[in-house]
PDB file of all heavy atoms in Angstrom:
ATOM      1  N   SER A   1       0.860  -1.122   0.008  1.00  0.00           N
ATOM      2  CA  SER A   1      -0.018  -0.079   0.013  1.00  0.00           C
ATOM      3  C   SER A   1       0.844   1.163  -0.037  1.00  0.00           C
ATOM      4  O   SER A   1       1.518   1.461   1.028  1.00  0.00           O
ATOM      5  CB  SER A   1      -0.906   0.039   1.212  1.00  0.00           C
ATOM      6  OG  SER A   1      -1.682   1.304   1.296  1.00  0.00           O
ATOM      7  N   VAL A   2       0.964   1.884  -1.160  1.00  0.00           N
ATOM      8  CA  VAL A   2       1.977   3.046  -1.256  1.00  0.00           C
ATOM      9  C   VAL A   2       1.330   4.205  -0.377  1.00  0.00           C
ATOM     10  O   VAL A   2       2.030   4.913   0.278  1.00  0.00           O
ATOM     11  CB  VAL A   2       2.073   3.561  -2.697  1.00  0.00           C
ATOM     12  CG1 VAL A   2       2.980   4.765  -2.743  1.00  0.00           C
ATOM     13  CG2 VAL A   2       2.570   2.335  -3.602  1.00  0.00           C
ATOM     14  N   ARG A   3      -0.031   4.383  -0.336  1.00  0.00           N
ATOM     15  CA  ARG A   3      -0.581   5.622   0.367  1.00  0.00           C
ATOM     16  C   ARG A   3      -0.434   5.337   1.946  1.00  0.00           C
ATOM     17  O   ARG A   3      -0.482   6.320   2.596  1.00  0.00           O
ATOM     18  CB  ARG A   3      -2.039   5.649   0.023  1.00  0.00           C
ATOM     19  CG  ARG A   3      -3.017   4.556   0.401  1.00  0.00           C
ATOM     20  CD  ARG A   3      -4.489   4.791   0.059  1.00  0.00           C
ATOM     21  NE  ARG A   3      -5.116   5.619   1.063  1.00  0.00           N
ATOM     22  CZ  ARG A   3      -5.704   5.199   2.117  1.00  0.00           C
ATOM     23  NH1 ARG A   3      -5.694   3.849   2.464  1.00  0.00           N
ATOM     24  NH2 ARG A   3      -6.381   6.003   2.947  1.00  0.00           N
ATOM     25  N   CYS A   4      -0.341   4.079   2.396  1.00  0.00           N
ATOM     26  CA  CYS A   4      -0.168   3.838   3.855  1.00  0.00           C
ATOM     27  C   CYS A   4       1.375   3.756   4.285  1.00  0.00           C
ATOM     28  O   CYS A   4       1.604   3.695   5.367  1.00  0.00           O
ATOM     29  CB  CYS A   4      -0.976   2.652   4.253  1.00  0.00           C
ATOM     30  SG  CYS A   4      -2.700   2.816   4.234  1.00  0.00           S
ATOM     31  N   SER A   5       2.158   3.746   3.286  1.00  0.00           N
ATOM     32  CA  SER A   5       3.618   3.560   3.582  1.00  0.00           C
ATOM     33  C   SER A   5       4.154   5.006   3.808  1.00  0.00           C
ATOM     34  O   SER A   5       3.550   5.970   3.943  1.00  0.00           O
ATOM     35  CB  SER A   5       4.355   3.054   2.328  1.00  0.00           C
ATOM     36  OG  SER A   5       4.452   4.031   1.275  1.00  0.00           O
ATOM     37  N   GLU A   6       5.520   5.036   4.109  1.00  0.00           N
ATOM     38  CA  GLU A   6       6.188   6.326   4.312  1.00  0.00           C
ATOM     39  C   GLU A   6       6.015   7.288   3.125  1.00  0.00           C
ATOM     40  O   GLU A   6       6.386   8.482   3.363  1.00  0.00           O
ATOM     41  CB  GLU A   6       7.551   6.060   4.841  1.00  0.00           C
ATOM     42  CG  GLU A   6       8.481   5.422   3.697  1.00  0.00           C
ATOM     43  CD  GLU A   6       8.642   3.967   3.935  1.00  0.00           C
ATOM     44  OE1 GLU A   6       7.602   3.275   4.507  1.00  0.00           O
ATOM     45  OE2 GLU A   6       9.526   3.358   3.618  1.00  0.00           O
ATOM     46  N   LEU A   7       5.698   6.807   1.959  1.00  0.00           N
ATOM     47  CA  LEU A   7       5.525   7.572   0.875  1.00  0.00           C
ATOM     48  C   LEU A   7       4.134   8.296   0.857  1.00  0.00           C
ATOM     49  O   LEU A   7       4.029   9.135  -0.114  1.00  0.00           O
ATOM     50  CB  LEU A   7       5.775   6.790  -0.448  1.00  0.00           C
ATOM     51  CG  LEU A   7       7.072   6.162  -0.647  1.00  0.00           C
ATOM     52  CD1 LEU A   7       7.140   5.213  -1.830  1.00  0.00           C
ATOM     53  CD2 LEU A   7       8.276   7.202  -0.773  1.00  0.00           C
ATOM     54  N   GLY A   8       3.260   7.908   1.561  1.00  0.00           N
ATOM     55  CA  GLY A   8       1.908   8.413   1.575  1.00  0.00           C
ATOM     56  C   GLY A   8       1.513   9.451   2.461  1.00  0.00           C
ATOM     57  O   GLY A   8       2.239  10.327   2.807  1.00  0.00           O
ATOM     58  N   TYR A   9       0.358   9.303   2.953  1.00  0.00           N
ATOM     59  CA  TYR A   9      -0.278  10.241   3.848  1.00  0.00           C
ATOM     60  C   TYR A   9       0.064  10.225   5.243  1.00  0.00           C
ATOM     61  O   TYR A   9      -0.412   9.635   6.091  1.00  0.00           O
ATOM     62  CB  TYR A   9      -1.980  10.047   3.899  1.00  0.00           C
ATOM     63  CG  TYR A   9      -2.685  10.889   2.930  1.00  0.00           C
ATOM     64  CD1 TYR A   9      -3.464  10.459   1.974  1.00  0.00           C
ATOM     65  CD2 TYR A   9      -2.732  12.324   3.145  1.00  0.00           C
ATOM     66  CE1 TYR A   9      -4.226  11.265   1.116  1.00  0.00           C
ATOM     67  CE2 TYR A   9      -3.489  13.109   2.398  1.00  0.00           C
ATOM     68  CZ  TYR A   9      -4.232  12.643   1.437  1.00  0.00           C
ATOM     69  OH  TYR A   9      -4.983  13.464   0.690  1.00  0.00           O
ATOM     70  N   TRP A  10       1.117  11.009   5.574  1.00  0.00           N
ATOM     71  CA  TRP A  10       1.693  11.113   6.990  1.00  0.00           C
ATOM     72  C   TRP A  10       2.017  12.611   7.137  1.00  0.00           C
ATOM     73  O   TRP A  10       2.538  13.315   6.310  1.00  0.00           O
ATOM     74  CB  TRP A  10       2.807  10.208   7.266  1.00  0.00           C
ATOM     75  CG  TRP A  10       2.435   8.829   7.084  1.00  0.00           C
ATOM     76  CD1 TRP A  10       2.652   8.058   5.969  1.00  0.00           C
ATOM     77  CD2 TRP A  10       1.811   7.988   8.136  1.00  0.00           C
ATOM     78  NE1 TRP A  10       2.178   6.679   6.285  1.00  0.00           N
ATOM     79  CE2 TRP A  10       1.696   6.699   7.658  1.00  0.00           C
ATOM     80  CE3 TRP A  10       1.493   8.323   9.492  1.00  0.00           C
ATOM     81  CZ2 TRP A  10       1.076   5.684   8.362  1.00  0.00           C
ATOM     82  CZ3 TRP A  10       0.884   7.202  10.222  1.00  0.00           C
ATOM     83  CH2 TRP A  10       0.687   5.953   9.639  1.00  0.00           C
ATOM     84  N   ASN A  11       2.051  13.065   8.513  1.00  0.00           N
ATOM     85  CA  ASN A  11       2.578  14.398   8.771  1.00  0.00           C
ATOM     86  C   ASN A  11       4.179  14.245   8.824  1.00  0.00           C
ATOM     87  O   ASN A  11       4.703  13.240   8.719  1.00  0.00           O
ATOM     88  CB  ASN A  11       2.102  14.833  10.152  1.00  0.00           C
ATOM     89  CG  ASN A  11       0.573  14.973  10.214  1.00  0.00           C
ATOM     90  OD1 ASN A  11      -0.126  14.289  10.885  1.00  0.00           O
ATOM     91  ND2 ASN A  11       0.198  16.036   9.513  1.00  0.00           N
ATOM     92  N   HIS A  12       4.745  15.446   8.902  1.00  0.00           N
ATOM     93  CA  HIS A  12       6.172  15.452   8.938  1.00  0.00           C
ATOM     94  C   HIS A  12       6.676  15.230  10.387  1.00  0.00           C
ATOM     95  O   HIS A  12       7.940  15.580  10.604  1.00  0.00           O
ATOM     96  CB  HIS A  12       6.736  16.760   8.481  1.00  0.00           C
ATOM     97  CG  HIS A  12       6.217  17.082   7.007  1.00  0.00           C
ATOM     98  ND1 HIS A  12       6.317  16.186   5.990  1.00  0.00           N
ATOM     99  CD2 HIS A  12       5.566  18.256   6.490  1.00  0.00           C
ATOM    100  CE1 HIS A  12       5.864  16.774   4.858  1.00  0.00           C
ATOM    101  NE2 HIS A  12       5.362  17.890   5.093  1.00  0.00           N
ATOM    102  N   PHE A  13       5.889  14.807  11.174  1.00  0.00           N
ATOM    103  CA  PHE A  13       6.315  14.526  12.604  1.00  0.00           C
ATOM    104  C   PHE A  13       5.417  13.205  13.186  1.00  0.00           C
ATOM    105  O   PHE A  13       4.454  13.010  12.450  1.00  0.00           O
ATOM    106  CB  PHE A  13       6.155  15.752  13.577  1.00  0.00           C
ATOM    107  CG  PHE A  13       4.751  16.091  13.609  1.00  0.00           C
ATOM    108  CD1 PHE A  13       4.057  15.785  14.769  1.00  0.00           C
ATOM    109  CD2 PHE A  13       4.085  16.796  12.563  1.00  0.00           C
ATOM    110  CE1 PHE A  13       2.619  16.174  14.998  1.00  0.00           C
ATOM    111  CE2 PHE A  13       2.657  17.165  12.786  1.00  0.00           C
ATOM    112  CZ  PHE A  13       1.959  16.781  13.868  1.00  0.00           C
ATOM    113  N   VAL A  14       5.840  12.696  14.190  1.00  0.00           N
ATOM    114  CA  VAL A  14       4.994  11.643  14.869  1.00  0.00           C
ATOM    115  C   VAL A  14       4.335  12.318  16.092  1.00  0.00           C
ATOM    116  O   VAL A  14       4.988  12.618  17.047  1.00  0.00           O
ATOM    117  CB  VAL A  14       5.874  10.427  15.325  1.00  0.00           C
ATOM    118  CG1 VAL A  14       4.978   9.425  16.084  1.00  0.00           C
ATOM    119  CG2 VAL A  14       6.442   9.863  14.037  1.00  0.00           C
ATOM    120  N   PRO A  15       2.998  12.385  16.098  1.00  0.00           N
ATOM    121  CA  PRO A  15       2.226  12.962  17.261  1.00  0.00           C
ATOM    122  C   PRO A  15       2.353  12.069  18.547  1.00  0.00           C
ATOM    123  O   PRO A  15       2.298  10.891  18.342  1.00  0.00           O
ATOM    124  CB  PRO A  15       0.943  13.277  16.735  1.00  0.00           C
ATOM    125  CG  PRO A  15       0.680  12.219  15.627  1.00  0.00           C
ATOM    126  CD  PRO A  15       2.037  12.039  14.966  1.00  0.00           C
ATOM    127  N   ILE A  16       2.379  12.643  19.525  1.00  0.00           N
ATOM    128  CA  ILE A  16       2.301  12.016  20.823  1.00  0.00           C
ATOM    129  C   ILE A  16       0.987  12.504  21.596  1.00  0.00           C
ATOM    130  O   ILE A  16       0.835  13.683  21.809  1.00  0.00           O
ATOM    131  CB  ILE A  16       3.414  12.265  21.854  1.00  0.00           C
ATOM    132  CG1 ILE A  16       4.809  11.903  21.097  1.00  0.00           C
ATOM    133  CG2 ILE A  16       3.281  11.455  23.091  1.00  0.00           C
ATOM    134  CD1 ILE A  16       4.861  10.463  20.657  1.00  0.00           C
ATOM    135  N   LEU A  17       0.022  11.645  21.669  1.00  0.00           N
ATOM    136  CA  LEU A  17      -1.317  12.010  22.222  1.00  0.00           C
ATOM    137  C   LEU A  17      -1.491  11.539  23.596  1.00  0.00           C
ATOM    138  O   LEU A  17      -0.891  10.470  24.080  1.00  0.00           O
ATOM    139  CB  LEU A  17      -2.384  11.380  21.262  1.00  0.00           C
ATOM    140  CG  LEU A  17      -2.336  11.903  19.815  1.00  0.00           C
ATOM    141  CD1 LEU A  17      -3.470  11.258  18.922  1.00  0.00           C
ATOM    142  CD2 LEU A  17      -2.088  13.398  19.725  1.00  0.00           C
ATOM    143  N   ASN A  18      -2.294  12.194  24.366  1.00  0.00           N
ATOM    144  CA  ASN A  18      -2.648  11.878  25.698  1.00  0.00           C
ATOM    145  C   ASN A  18      -4.041  11.215  25.900  1.00  0.00           C
ATOM    146  O   ASN A  18      -5.083  11.959  25.531  1.00  0.00           O
ATOM    147  CB  ASN A  18      -2.594  13.087  26.621  1.00  0.00           C
ATOM    148  CG  ASN A  18      -2.718  12.812  28.148  1.00  0.00           C
ATOM    149  OD1 ASN A  18      -3.547  11.854  28.515  1.00  0.00           O
ATOM    150  ND2 ASN A  18      -1.942  13.563  28.857  1.00  0.00           N
ATOM    151  N   TYR A  19      -4.115   9.972  26.307  1.00  0.00           N
ATOM    152  CA  TYR A  19      -5.418   9.225  26.292  1.00  0.00           C
ATOM    153  C   TYR A  19      -5.943   9.133  27.666  1.00  0.00           C
ATOM    154  O   TYR A  19      -6.946   8.422  27.895  1.00  0.00           O
ATOM    155  CB  TYR A  19      -5.200   7.825  25.814  1.00  0.00           C
ATOM    156  CG  TYR A  19      -4.828   7.844  24.313  1.00  0.00           C
ATOM    157  CD1 TYR A  19      -3.428   7.763  23.882  1.00  0.00           C
ATOM    158  CD2 TYR A  19      -5.740   7.801  23.173  1.00  0.00           C
ATOM    159  CE1 TYR A  19      -3.001   7.770  22.573  1.00  0.00           C
ATOM    160  CE2 TYR A  19      -5.324   7.822  21.952  1.00  0.00           C
ATOM    161  CZ  TYR A  19      -4.032   7.838  21.529  1.00  0.00           C
ATOM    162  OH  TYR A  19      -3.716   7.765  20.305  1.00  0.00           O
ATOM    163  N   ASP A  20      -5.573   9.965  28.559  1.00  0.00           N
ATOM    164  CA  ASP A  20      -5.955   9.775  29.967  1.00  0.00           C
ATOM    165  C   ASP A  20      -7.436  10.240  30.176  1.00  0.00           C
ATOM    166  O   ASP A  20      -8.241   9.628  30.918  1.00  0.00           O
ATOM    167  CB  ASP A  20      -5.155  10.685  30.947  1.00  0.00           C
ATOM    168  CG  ASP A  20      -3.706  10.113  31.083  1.00  0.00           C
ATOM    169  OD1 ASP A  20      -3.594   8.848  30.815  1.00  0.00           O
ATOM    170  OD2 ASP A  20      -2.785  10.830  31.473  1.00  0.00           O
ATOM    171  N   ASP A  21      -7.864  11.412  29.460  1.00  0.00           N
ATOM    172  CA  ASP A  21      -9.173  11.887  29.573  1.00  0.00           C
ATOM    173  C   ASP A  21      -9.432  12.659  28.306  1.00  0.00           C
ATOM    174  O   ASP A  21      -8.433  13.041  27.610  1.00  0.00           O
ATOM    175  CB  ASP A  21      -9.537  12.642  30.852  1.00  0.00           C
ATOM    176  CG  ASP A  21      -8.572  13.734  31.007  1.00  0.00           C
ATOM    177  OD1 ASP A  21      -8.660  14.694  30.264  1.00  0.00           O
ATOM    178  OD2 ASP A  21      -7.668  13.705  31.916  1.00  0.00           O
ATOM    179  N   ILE A  22     -10.684  13.007  28.096  1.00  0.00           N
ATOM    180  CA  ILE A  22     -11.087  13.636  26.855  1.00  0.00           C
ATOM    181  C   ILE A  22     -10.473  15.068  26.614  1.00  0.00           C
ATOM    182  O   ILE A  22      -9.964  15.459  25.548  1.00  0.00           O
ATOM    183  CB  ILE A  22     -12.555  13.779  26.558  1.00  0.00           C
ATOM    184  CG1 ILE A  22     -12.809  13.903  25.150  1.00  0.00           C
ATOM    185  CG2 ILE A  22     -13.288  14.683  27.461  1.00  0.00           C
ATOM    186  CD1 ILE A  22     -12.338  12.808  24.121  1.00  0.00           C
ATOM    187  N   LYS A  23     -10.275  15.720  27.733  1.00  0.00           N
ATOM    188  CA  LYS A  23      -9.679  17.072  27.698  1.00  0.00           C
ATOM    189  C   LYS A  23      -8.286  17.043  27.417  1.00  0.00           C
ATOM    190  O   LYS A  23      -7.690  17.802  26.482  1.00  0.00           O
ATOM    191  CB  LYS A  23     -10.016  17.877  29.064  1.00  0.00           C
ATOM    192  CG  LYS A  23     -11.387  18.346  29.210  1.00  0.00           C
ATOM    193  CD  LYS A  23     -11.593  19.174  30.433  1.00  0.00           C
ATOM    194  CE  LYS A  23     -13.029  19.654  30.561  1.00  0.00           C
ATOM    195  NZ  LYS A  23     -13.233  20.380  31.951  1.00  0.00           N
ATOM    196  N   SER A  24      -7.600  16.152  27.983  1.00  0.00           N
ATOM    197  CA  SER A  24      -6.209  15.916  27.783  1.00  0.00           C
ATOM    198  C   SER A  24      -5.843  15.426  26.354  1.00  0.00           C
ATOM    199  O   SER A  24      -4.940  15.903  25.761  1.00  0.00           O
ATOM    200  CB  SER A  24      -5.566  14.816  28.747  1.00  0.00           C
ATOM    201  OG  SER A  24      -5.772  15.385  30.049  1.00  0.00           O
ATOM    202  N   TYR A  25      -6.775  14.542  25.838  1.00  0.00           N
ATOM    203  CA  TYR A  25      -6.558  14.111  24.463  1.00  0.00           C
ATOM    204  C   TYR A  25      -6.766  15.253  23.514  1.00  0.00           C
ATOM    205  O   TYR A  25      -5.997  15.486  22.545  1.00  0.00           O
ATOM    206  CB  TYR A  25      -7.730  13.036  24.260  1.00  0.00           C
ATOM    207  CG  TYR A  25      -7.813  12.516  22.675  1.00  0.00           C
ATOM    208  CD1 TYR A  25      -6.877  11.603  22.349  1.00  0.00           C
ATOM    209  CD2 TYR A  25      -8.709  12.957  21.855  1.00  0.00           C
ATOM    210  CE1 TYR A  25      -6.915  11.211  21.008  1.00  0.00           C
ATOM    211  CE2 TYR A  25      -8.860  12.554  20.609  1.00  0.00           C
ATOM    212  CZ  TYR A  25      -7.905  11.602  20.150  1.00  0.00           C
ATOM    213  OH  TYR A  25      -7.923  11.245  18.960  1.00  0.00           O
ATOM    214  N   ALA A  26      -7.818  16.096  23.672  1.00  0.00           N
ATOM    215  CA  ALA A  26      -8.094  17.190  22.807  1.00  0.00           C
ATOM    216  C   ALA A  26      -6.800  18.234  22.897  1.00  0.00           C
ATOM    217  O   ALA A  26      -6.374  18.671  21.794  1.00  0.00           O
ATOM    218  CB  ALA A  26      -9.365  17.915  23.096  1.00  0.00           C
ATOM    219  N   ALA A  27      -6.398  18.422  24.223  1.00  0.00           N
ATOM    220  CA  ALA A  27      -5.301  19.448  24.299  1.00  0.00           C
ATOM    221  C   ALA A  27      -4.013  18.936  23.792  1.00  0.00           C
ATOM    222  O   ALA A  27      -3.277  19.679  23.056  1.00  0.00           O
ATOM    223  CB  ALA A  27      -5.135  19.637  25.797  1.00  0.00           C
ATOM    224  N   SER A  28      -3.808  17.591  23.696  1.00  0.00           N
ATOM    225  CA  SER A  28      -2.483  17.121  23.046  1.00  0.00           C
ATOM    226  C   SER A  28      -2.693  17.288  21.470  1.00  0.00           C
ATOM    227  O   SER A  28      -1.556  17.274  20.852  1.00  0.00           O
ATOM    228  CB  SER A  28      -2.377  15.660  23.450  1.00  0.00           C
ATOM    229  OG  SER A  28      -3.388  14.690  22.907  1.00  0.00           O
ATOM    230  N   ILE A  29      -3.704  17.286  20.934  1.00  0.00           N
ATOM    231  CA  ILE A  29      -3.849  17.653  19.540  1.00  0.00           C
ATOM    232  C   ILE A  29      -3.788  19.065  19.237  1.00  0.00           C
ATOM    233  O   ILE A  29      -3.082  19.607  18.304  1.00  0.00           O
ATOM    234  CB  ILE A  29      -5.102  17.037  18.917  1.00  0.00           C
ATOM    235  CG1 ILE A  29      -5.243  15.530  19.047  1.00  0.00           C
ATOM    236  CG2 ILE A  29      -5.370  17.438  17.426  1.00  0.00           C
ATOM    237  CD1 ILE A  29      -6.584  14.896  18.570  1.00  0.00           C
ATOM    238  N   GLN A  30      -4.521  19.863  20.075  1.00  0.00           N
ATOM    239  CA  GLN A  30      -4.541  21.297  19.842  1.00  0.00           C
ATOM    240  C   GLN A  30      -3.124  21.895  19.975  1.00  0.00           C
ATOM    241  O   GLN A  30      -2.809  22.946  19.396  1.00  0.00           O
ATOM    242  CB  GLN A  30      -5.489  21.989  20.987  1.00  0.00           C
ATOM    243  CG  GLN A  30      -5.650  23.446  20.736  1.00  0.00           C
ATOM    244  CD  GLN A  30      -6.300  23.848  19.427  1.00  0.00           C
ATOM    245  OE1 GLN A  30      -7.146  23.194  18.982  1.00  0.00           O
ATOM    246  NE2 GLN A  30      -5.774  24.949  18.866  1.00  0.00           N
ATOM    247  N   ARG A  31      -2.246  21.254  20.882  1.00  0.00           N
ATOM    248  CA  ARG A  31      -0.982  21.764  21.030  1.00  0.00           C
ATOM    249  C   ARG A  31      -0.193  21.878  19.613  1.00  0.00           C
ATOM    250  O   ARG A  31       0.515  22.835  19.448  1.00  0.00           O
ATOM    251  CB  ARG A  31      -0.109  20.744  21.920  1.00  0.00           C
ATOM    252  CG  ARG A  31       1.378  21.145  22.078  1.00  0.00           C
ATOM    253  CD  ARG A  31       1.959  20.249  23.276  1.00  0.00           C
ATOM    254  NE  ARG A  31       1.868  18.886  22.909  1.00  0.00           N
ATOM    255  CZ  ARG A  31       2.930  18.261  22.361  1.00  0.00           C
ATOM    256  NH1 ARG A  31       4.043  18.959  21.982  1.00  0.00           N
ATOM    257  NH2 ARG A  31       2.885  16.886  22.225  1.00  0.00           N
TER     258      ARG A  31
END
């Protein structure tokens, strides 16, 4: 799958998300 590989749809960084609660999860994306 080219689109799912490193040649495809990815950001230029690897996000680190917080799954402790919904506010923390949203804040970790908003950051």
